[in-house]
Amino acid sequence: MSQLDFYTNPQSRGRMIRWMLEETGADYETHILTYNDTMKSEDYLAINPMGKVPAIVHDGRVVTECAAICAYLADVFPEAALAPAVDDRASYYRWLFFAAGPLEAATVNRAFGFVVPADRERAVGYGTFEHVMDTLDMRLSESPYITGDHFTAADVYVGSHVIWGIKFNMVETRASFQDYAEKLVVRPAFIRANQLDEEAAA
């Protein structure tokens, strides 16, 4: 029987992986770790030497990094239909890793008040925060989901950035972002995941 262990903290990016797990419908065991204790324990560092969450261990195989976990889970649970056909994944990979690269970097830098100097924009992977927002806005204005007409694992990852980015003022409040977030937060898997994490946080 397959074994899937999920290592997380409800006040972390692990929330997006909880959502992804709920979308798959797979059975999994949750391990709640604390930042200054179990997350730095010898046992957990053997799983993720970075000492951070989330991580999953699926039948002995370790996967870390949220975008990688989302992509992996979509592949190993194909019955959930969370990834396009292999020959139709160009847009899927493009936007999944756009969020893991430019979007993540731009929003984190904004949260900490860092602005790339105008003469150094070509030296960073995203250029400017405004350019990242414009690019995402253009995509979400022309497509109901990030890869097209159907919800995929890329929407879990990109959508998490948009939902929590709006909440914590890390992305701009644009109409396309709000419309996109509103479609996602009513998904049963998102609601279940949020309830489980709120219970764990309490």
C-alpha atoms as a PDB file:
ATOM      1  CA  MET A   1       0.000   0.000   0.000  1.00  0.00           C
ATOM      2  CA  SER A   2       1.285   3.443  -0.956  1.00  0.00           C
ATOM      3  CA  GLN A   3       2.517   5.696   1.878  1.00  0.00           C
ATOM      4  CA  LEU A   4       2.417   9.479   1.573  1.00  0.00           C
ATOM      5  CA  ASP A   5       3.756  11.654   4.410  1.00  0.00           C
ATOM      6  CA  PHE A   6       3.256  15.406   4.419  1.00  0.00           C
ATOM      7  CA  TYR A   7       5.513  17.629   6.545  1.00  0.00           C
ATOM      8  CA  THR A   8       4.194  21.108   7.137  1.00  0.00           C
ATOM      9  CA  ASN A   9       3.348  23.972   9.433  1.00  0.00           C
ATOM     10  CA  PRO A  10      -0.046  25.686   9.028  1.00  0.00           C
ATOM     11  CA  GLN A  11       1.674  29.087   8.985  1.00  0.00           C
ATOM     12  CA  SER A  12       3.843  28.282   5.970  1.00  0.00           C
ATOM     13  CA  ARG A  13       3.815  27.614   2.254  1.00  0.00           C
ATOM     14  CA  GLY A  14       2.727  24.146   3.266  1.00  0.00           C
ATOM     15  CA  ARG A  15      -0.828  25.454   2.943  1.00  0.00           C
ATOM     16  CA  MET A  16      -0.583  25.312  -0.834  1.00  0.00           C
ATOM     17  CA  ILE A  17       0.581  21.687  -0.681  1.00  0.00           C
ATOM     18  CA  ARG A  18      -2.270  20.800   1.673  1.00  0.00           C
ATOM     19  CA  TRP A  19      -4.584  22.243  -0.985  1.00  0.00           C
ATOM     20  CA  MET A  20      -2.823  20.252  -3.698  1.00  0.00           C
ATOM     21  CA  LEU A  21      -3.101  17.044  -1.675  1.00  0.00           C
ATOM     22  CA  GLU A  22      -6.811  17.633  -1.165  1.00  0.00           C
ATOM     23  CA  GLU A  23      -7.229  18.171  -4.914  1.00  0.00           C
ATOM     24  CA  THR A  24      -5.631  14.766  -5.601  1.00  0.00           C
ATOM     25  CA  GLY A  25      -7.988  12.929  -3.231  1.00  0.00           C
ATOM     26  CA  ALA A  26      -5.043  10.824  -2.049  1.00  0.00           C
ATOM     27  CA  ASP A  27      -4.681   9.487   1.478  1.00  0.00           C
ATOM     28  CA  TYR A  28      -1.796  11.104   3.341  1.00  0.00           C
ATOM     29  CA  GLU A  29      -0.434  11.458   6.850  1.00  0.00           C
ATOM     30  CA  THR A  30       0.259  14.944   8.167  1.00  0.00           C
ATOM     31  CA  HIS A  31       3.253  15.795  10.354  1.00  0.00           C
ATOM     32  CA  ILE A  32       3.066  19.271  11.888  1.00  0.00           C
ATOM     33  CA  LEU A  33       6.536  20.687  12.561  1.00  0.00           C
ATOM     34  CA  THR A  34       7.547  23.728  14.577  1.00  0.00           C
ATOM     35  CA  TYR A  35      10.023  26.290  13.296  1.00  0.00           C
ATOM     36  CA  ASN A  36      12.583  26.279  16.104  1.00  0.00           C
ATOM     37  CA  ASP A  37      12.245  22.664  17.195  1.00  0.00           C
ATOM     38  CA  THR A  38      11.155  19.727  15.040  1.00  0.00           C
ATOM     39  CA  MET A  39      11.853  21.519  11.759  1.00  0.00           C
ATOM     40  CA  LYS A  40      15.532  21.607  12.740  1.00  0.00           C
ATOM     41  CA  SER A  41      15.625  18.128  14.222  1.00  0.00           C
ATOM     42  CA  GLU A  42      18.091  15.536  12.991  1.00  0.00           C
ATOM     43  CA  ASP A  43      15.245  13.338  11.747  1.00  0.00           C
ATOM     44  CA  TYR A  44      13.712  16.072   9.632  1.00  0.00           C
ATOM     45  CA  LEU A  45      17.032  17.404   8.350  1.00  0.00           C
ATOM     46  CA  ALA A  46      17.590  13.928   6.944  1.00  0.00           C
ATOM     47  CA  ILE A  47      14.470  14.564   4.819  1.00  0.00           C
ATOM     48  CA  ASN A  48      15.130  18.211   3.980  1.00  0.00           C
ATOM     49  CA  PRO A  49      18.589  19.549   4.876  1.00  0.00           C
ATOM     50  CA  MET A  50      17.206  23.075   4.399  1.00  0.00           C
ATOM     51  CA  GLY A  51      15.172  22.556   7.570  1.00  0.00           C
ATOM     52  CA  LYS A  52      12.061  24.076   6.052  1.00  0.00           C
ATOM     53  CA  VAL A  53       8.598  22.952   5.059  1.00  0.00           C
ATOM     54  CA  PRO A  54       6.754  21.724   3.129  1.00  0.00           C
ATOM     55  CA  ALA A  55       8.098  18.360   2.092  1.00  0.00           C
ATOM     56  CA  ILE A  56       6.510  15.086   1.131  1.00  0.00           C
ATOM     57  CA  VAL A  57       7.820  11.530   1.279  1.00  0.00           C
ATOM     58  CA  HIS A  58       5.971   9.239  -1.103  1.00  0.00           C
ATOM     59  CA  ASP A  59       6.910   5.577  -0.871  1.00  0.00           C
ATOM     60  CA  GLY A  60      10.388   6.594   0.273  1.00  0.00           C
ATOM     61  CA  ARG A  61      10.864   9.303  -2.357  1.00  0.00           C
ATOM     62  CA  VAL A  62      11.445  12.807  -1.007  1.00  0.00           C
ATOM     63  CA  VAL A  63      10.128  15.877  -2.809  1.00  0.00           C
ATOM     64  CA  THR A  64      10.675  19.442  -1.571  1.00  0.00           C
ATOM     65  CA  GLU A  65       9.912  22.874  -3.090  1.00  0.00           C
ATOM     66  CA  CYS A  66       6.278  23.724  -3.654  1.00  0.00           C
ATOM     67  CA  ALA A  67       6.249  23.879  -7.444  1.00  0.00           C
ATOM     68  CA  ALA A  68       8.054  20.537  -7.653  1.00  0.00           C
ATOM     69  CA  ILE A  69       5.642  18.943  -5.171  1.00  0.00           C
ATOM     70  CA  CYS A  70       2.615  20.194  -7.116  1.00  0.00           C
ATOM     71  CA  ALA A  71       4.002  18.856 -10.391  1.00  0.00           C
ATOM     72  CA  TYR A  72       4.978  15.534  -8.807  1.00  0.00           C
ATOM     73  CA  LEU A  73       1.592  14.965  -7.198  1.00  0.00           C
ATOM     74  CA  ALA A  74      -0.204  15.743 -10.456  1.00  0.00           C
ATOM     75  CA  ASP A  75       1.927  13.112 -12.178  1.00  0.00           C
ATOM     76  CA  VAL A  76       1.608  10.325  -9.605  1.00  0.00           C
ATOM     77  CA  PHE A  77      -2.151  10.785  -9.177  1.00  0.00           C
ATOM     78  CA  PRO A  78      -3.252  11.076 -12.825  1.00  0.00           C
ATOM     79  CA  GLU A  79      -6.827  10.126 -11.966  1.00  0.00           C
ATOM     80  CA  ALA A  80      -7.244  13.613 -10.466  1.00  0.00           C
ATOM     81  CA  ALA A  81      -6.583  15.143 -13.927  1.00  0.00           C
ATOM     82  CA  LEU A  82      -4.426  17.938 -12.527  1.00  0.00           C
ATOM     83  CA  ALA A  83      -1.889  17.988 -15.362  1.00  0.00           C
ATOM     84  CA  PRO A  84      -2.468  18.309 -19.103  1.00  0.00           C
ATOM     85  CA  ALA A  85      -1.432  15.543 -21.475  1.00  0.00           C
ATOM     86  CA  VAL A  86       2.352  15.306 -21.806  1.00  0.00           C
ATOM     87  CA  ASP A  87       2.307  16.761 -25.327  1.00  0.00           C
ATOM     88  CA  ASP A  88       0.196  19.707 -24.135  1.00  0.00           C
ATOM     89  CA  ARG A  89       2.260  20.932 -21.194  1.00  0.00           C
ATOM     90  CA  ALA A  90       4.057  23.937 -22.648  1.00  0.00           C
ATOM     91  CA  SER A  91       1.756  26.490 -21.005  1.00  0.00           C
ATOM     92  CA  TYR A  92       1.527  24.382 -17.832  1.00  0.00           C
ATOM     93  CA  TYR A  93       5.286  24.357 -17.291  1.00  0.00           C
ATOM     94  CA  ARG A  94       5.657  27.943 -18.415  1.00  0.00           C
ATOM     95  CA  TRP A  95       3.293  29.403 -15.815  1.00  0.00           C
ATOM     96  CA  LEU A  96       4.133  26.972 -13.031  1.00  0.00           C
ATOM     97  CA  PHE A  97       7.764  28.056 -13.182  1.00  0.00           C
ATOM     98  CA  PHE A  98       6.931  31.686 -13.893  1.00  0.00           C
ATOM     99  CA  ALA A  99       5.378  31.656 -10.428  1.00  0.00           C
ATOM    100  CA  ALA A 100       8.317  29.749  -8.915  1.00  0.00           C
ATOM    101  CA  GLY A 101      10.755  32.232 -10.432  1.00  0.00           C
ATOM    102  CA  PRO A 102       9.760  35.816 -11.330  1.00  0.00           C
ATOM    103  CA  LEU A 103       6.520  35.970  -9.332  1.00  0.00           C
ATOM    104  CA  GLU A 104       7.987  34.535  -6.132  1.00  0.00           C
ATOM    105  CA  ALA A 105      11.100  36.710  -6.302  1.00  0.00           C
ATOM    106  CA  ALA A 106       9.224  39.901  -7.158  1.00  0.00           C
ATOM    107  CA  THR A 107       6.591  39.530  -4.443  1.00  0.00           C
ATOM    108  CA  VAL A 108       9.059  38.561  -1.711  1.00  0.00           C
ATOM    109  CA  ASN A 109      11.286  41.508  -2.574  1.00  0.00           C
ATOM    110  CA  ARG A 110       8.253  43.795  -2.475  1.00  0.00           C
ATOM    111  CA  ALA A 111       7.259  42.450   0.950  1.00  0.00           C
ATOM    112  CA  PHE A 112      10.682  43.346   2.304  1.00  0.00           C
ATOM    113  CA  GLY A 113      10.773  46.735   0.627  1.00  0.00           C
ATOM    114  CA  PHE A 114      13.522  45.901  -1.843  1.00  0.00           C
ATOM    115  CA  VAL A 115      13.384  47.688  -5.198  1.00  0.00           C
ATOM    116  CA  VAL A 116      15.784  46.705  -7.945  1.00  0.00           C
ATOM    117  CA  PRO A 117      17.834  49.760  -9.024  1.00  0.00           C
ATOM    118  CA  ALA A 118      16.792  50.939 -12.483  1.00  0.00           C
ATOM    119  CA  ASP A 119      20.252  50.274 -13.916  1.00  0.00           C
ATOM    120  CA  ARG A 120      20.281  46.684 -12.577  1.00  0.00           C
ATOM    121  CA  GLU A 121      16.908  45.383 -13.758  1.00  0.00           C
ATOM    122  CA  ARG A 122      18.489  43.121 -16.377  1.00  0.00           C
ATOM    123  CA  ALA A 123      20.606  41.488 -13.657  1.00  0.00           C
ATOM    124  CA  VAL A 124      17.608  39.934 -11.871  1.00  0.00           C
ATOM    125  CA  GLY A 125      15.303  37.282 -13.212  1.00  0.00           C
ATOM    126  CA  TYR A 126      12.133  39.351 -13.170  1.00  0.00           C
ATOM    127  CA  GLY A 127      13.156  42.878 -14.119  1.00  0.00           C
ATOM    128  CA  THR A 128      10.580  44.900 -12.183  1.00  0.00           C
ATOM    129  CA  PHE A 129       7.632  44.122  -9.944  1.00  0.00           C
ATOM    130  CA  GLU A 130       5.347  46.057 -12.295  1.00  0.00           C
ATOM    131  CA  HIS A 131       6.466  44.006 -15.296  1.00  0.00           C
ATOM    132  CA  VAL A 132       5.686  40.778 -13.432  1.00  0.00           C
ATOM    133  CA  MET A 133       2.237  42.072 -12.468  1.00  0.00           C
ATOM    134  CA  ASP A 134       1.525  43.172 -16.049  1.00  0.00           C
ATOM    135  CA  THR A 135       2.552  39.783 -17.427  1.00  0.00           C
ATOM    136  CA  LEU A 136       0.372  37.864 -14.983  1.00  0.00           C
ATOM    137  CA  ASP A 137      -2.509  40.279 -15.515  1.00  0.00           C
ATOM    138  CA  MET A 138      -2.330  39.829 -19.277  1.00  0.00           C
ATOM    139  CA  ARG A 139      -2.495  36.051 -18.924  1.00  0.00           C
ATOM    140  CA  LEU A 140      -5.352  35.983 -16.417  1.00  0.00           C
ATOM    141  CA  SER A 141      -7.309  38.537 -18.431  1.00  0.00           C
ATOM    142  CA  GLU A 142      -7.344  36.232 -21.456  1.00  0.00           C
ATOM    143  CA  SER A 143      -7.774  32.840 -19.790  1.00  0.00           C
ATOM    144  CA  PRO A 144     -10.035  31.569 -16.972  1.00  0.00           C
ATOM    145  CA  TYR A 145      -7.223  29.430 -15.566  1.00  0.00           C
ATOM    146  CA  ILE A 146      -3.498  29.915 -15.815  1.00  0.00           C
ATOM    147  CA  THR A 147      -3.002  27.245 -18.501  1.00  0.00           C
ATOM    148  CA  GLY A 148      -6.286  27.658 -20.335  1.00  0.00           C
ATOM    149  CA  ASP A 149      -9.852  26.469 -19.823  1.00  0.00           C
ATOM    150  CA  HIS A 150      -9.138  23.787 -17.227  1.00  0.00           C
ATOM    151  CA  PHE A 151      -7.921  23.859 -13.628  1.00  0.00           C
ATOM    152  CA  THR A 152      -4.503  22.218 -13.118  1.00  0.00           C
ATOM    153  CA  ALA A 153      -1.806  21.880 -10.482  1.00  0.00           C
ATOM    154  CA  ALA A 154      -0.331  25.090 -11.878  1.00  0.00           C
ATOM    155  CA  ASP A 155      -3.434  26.893 -10.599  1.00  0.00           C
ATOM    156  CA  VAL A 156      -2.786  25.573  -7.106  1.00  0.00           C
ATOM    157  CA  TYR A 157       0.678  27.095  -7.170  1.00  0.00           C
ATOM    158  CA  VAL A 158      -0.010  30.309  -9.075  1.00  0.00           C
ATOM    159  CA  GLY A 159      -3.372  30.694  -7.362  1.00  0.00           C
ATOM    160  CA  SER A 160      -1.833  30.408  -3.913  1.00  0.00           C
ATOM    161  CA  HIS A 161       0.503  33.286  -4.736  1.00  0.00           C
ATOM    162  CA  VAL A 162      -2.400  35.374  -5.981  1.00  0.00           C
ATOM    163  CA  ILE A 163      -4.809  34.555  -3.113  1.00  0.00           C
ATOM    164  CA  TRP A 164      -2.322  35.216  -0.332  1.00  0.00           C
ATOM    165  CA  GLY A 165      -0.611  37.954  -2.289  1.00  0.00           C
ATOM    166  CA  ILE A 166      -3.855  39.934  -2.365  1.00  0.00           C
ATOM    167  CA  LYS A 167      -4.505  39.199   1.306  1.00  0.00           C
ATOM    168  CA  PHE A 168      -1.079  40.398   2.432  1.00  0.00           C
ATOM    169  CA  ASN A 169      -0.611  43.160  -0.171  1.00  0.00           C
ATOM    170  CA  MET A 170       2.187  41.297  -1.956  1.00  0.00           C
ATOM    171  CA  VAL A 171       0.493  41.532  -5.356  1.00  0.00           C
ATOM    172  CA  GLU A 172      -1.510  44.393  -6.781  1.00  0.00           C
ATOM    173  CA  THR A 173      -5.293  44.261  -6.491  1.00  0.00           C
ATOM    174  CA  ARG A 174      -6.211  43.975 -10.143  1.00  0.00           C
ATOM    175  CA  ALA A 175      -9.573  42.847 -11.507  1.00  0.00           C
ATOM    176  CA  SER A 176      -8.141  39.778 -13.225  1.00  0.00           C
ATOM    177  CA  PHE A 177      -6.384  38.689 -10.022  1.00  0.00           C
ATOM    178  CA  GLN A 178      -9.531  39.123  -7.936  1.00  0.00           C
ATOM    179  CA  ASP A 179     -11.690  37.226 -10.445  1.00  0.00           C
ATOM    180  CA  TYR A 180      -9.140  34.408 -10.545  1.00  0.00           C
ATOM    181  CA  ALA A 181      -8.895  34.179  -6.738  1.00  0.00           C
ATOM    182  CA  GLU A 182     -12.680  34.136  -6.380  1.00  0.00           C
ATOM    183  CA  LYS A 183     -12.903  31.091  -8.686  1.00  0.00           C
ATOM    184  CA  LEU A 184     -10.303  29.212  -6.657  1.00  0.00           C
ATOM    185  CA  VAL A 185     -11.362  29.832  -3.048  1.00  0.00           C
ATOM    186  CA  VAL A 186     -14.745  28.177  -3.611  1.00  0.00           C
ATOM    187  CA  ARG A 187     -13.209  24.897  -4.731  1.00  0.00           C
ATOM    188  CA  PRO A 188     -14.114  22.129  -2.239  1.00  0.00           C
ATOM    189  CA  ALA A 189     -10.481  21.030  -1.946  1.00  0.00           C
ATOM    190  CA  PHE A 190      -9.370  24.576  -1.110  1.00  0.00           C
ATOM    191  CA  ILE A 191     -12.075  24.873   1.544  1.00  0.00           C
ATOM    192  CA  ARG A 192     -11.169  21.491   3.091  1.00  0.00           C
ATOM    193  CA  ALA A 193      -7.473  22.320   3.104  1.00  0.00           C
ATOM    194  CA  ASN A 194      -8.068  25.698   4.697  1.00  0.00           C
ATOM    195  CA  GLN A 195     -10.229  24.161   7.418  1.00  0.00           C
ATOM    196  CA  LEU A 196      -7.589  21.526   8.202  1.00  0.00           C
ATOM    197  CA  ASP A 197      -4.862  24.130   8.447  1.00  0.00           C
ATOM    198  CA  GLU A 198      -6.962  26.448  10.596  1.00  0.00           C
ATOM    199  CA  GLU A 199      -7.637  23.541  12.969  1.00  0.00           C
ATOM    200  CA  ALA A 200      -3.930  22.702  13.061  1.00  0.00           C
ATOM    201  CA  ALA A 201      -3.012  26.331  13.709  1.00  0.00           C
ATOM    202  CA  ALA A 202      -5.441  26.504  16.611  1.00  0.00           C
END
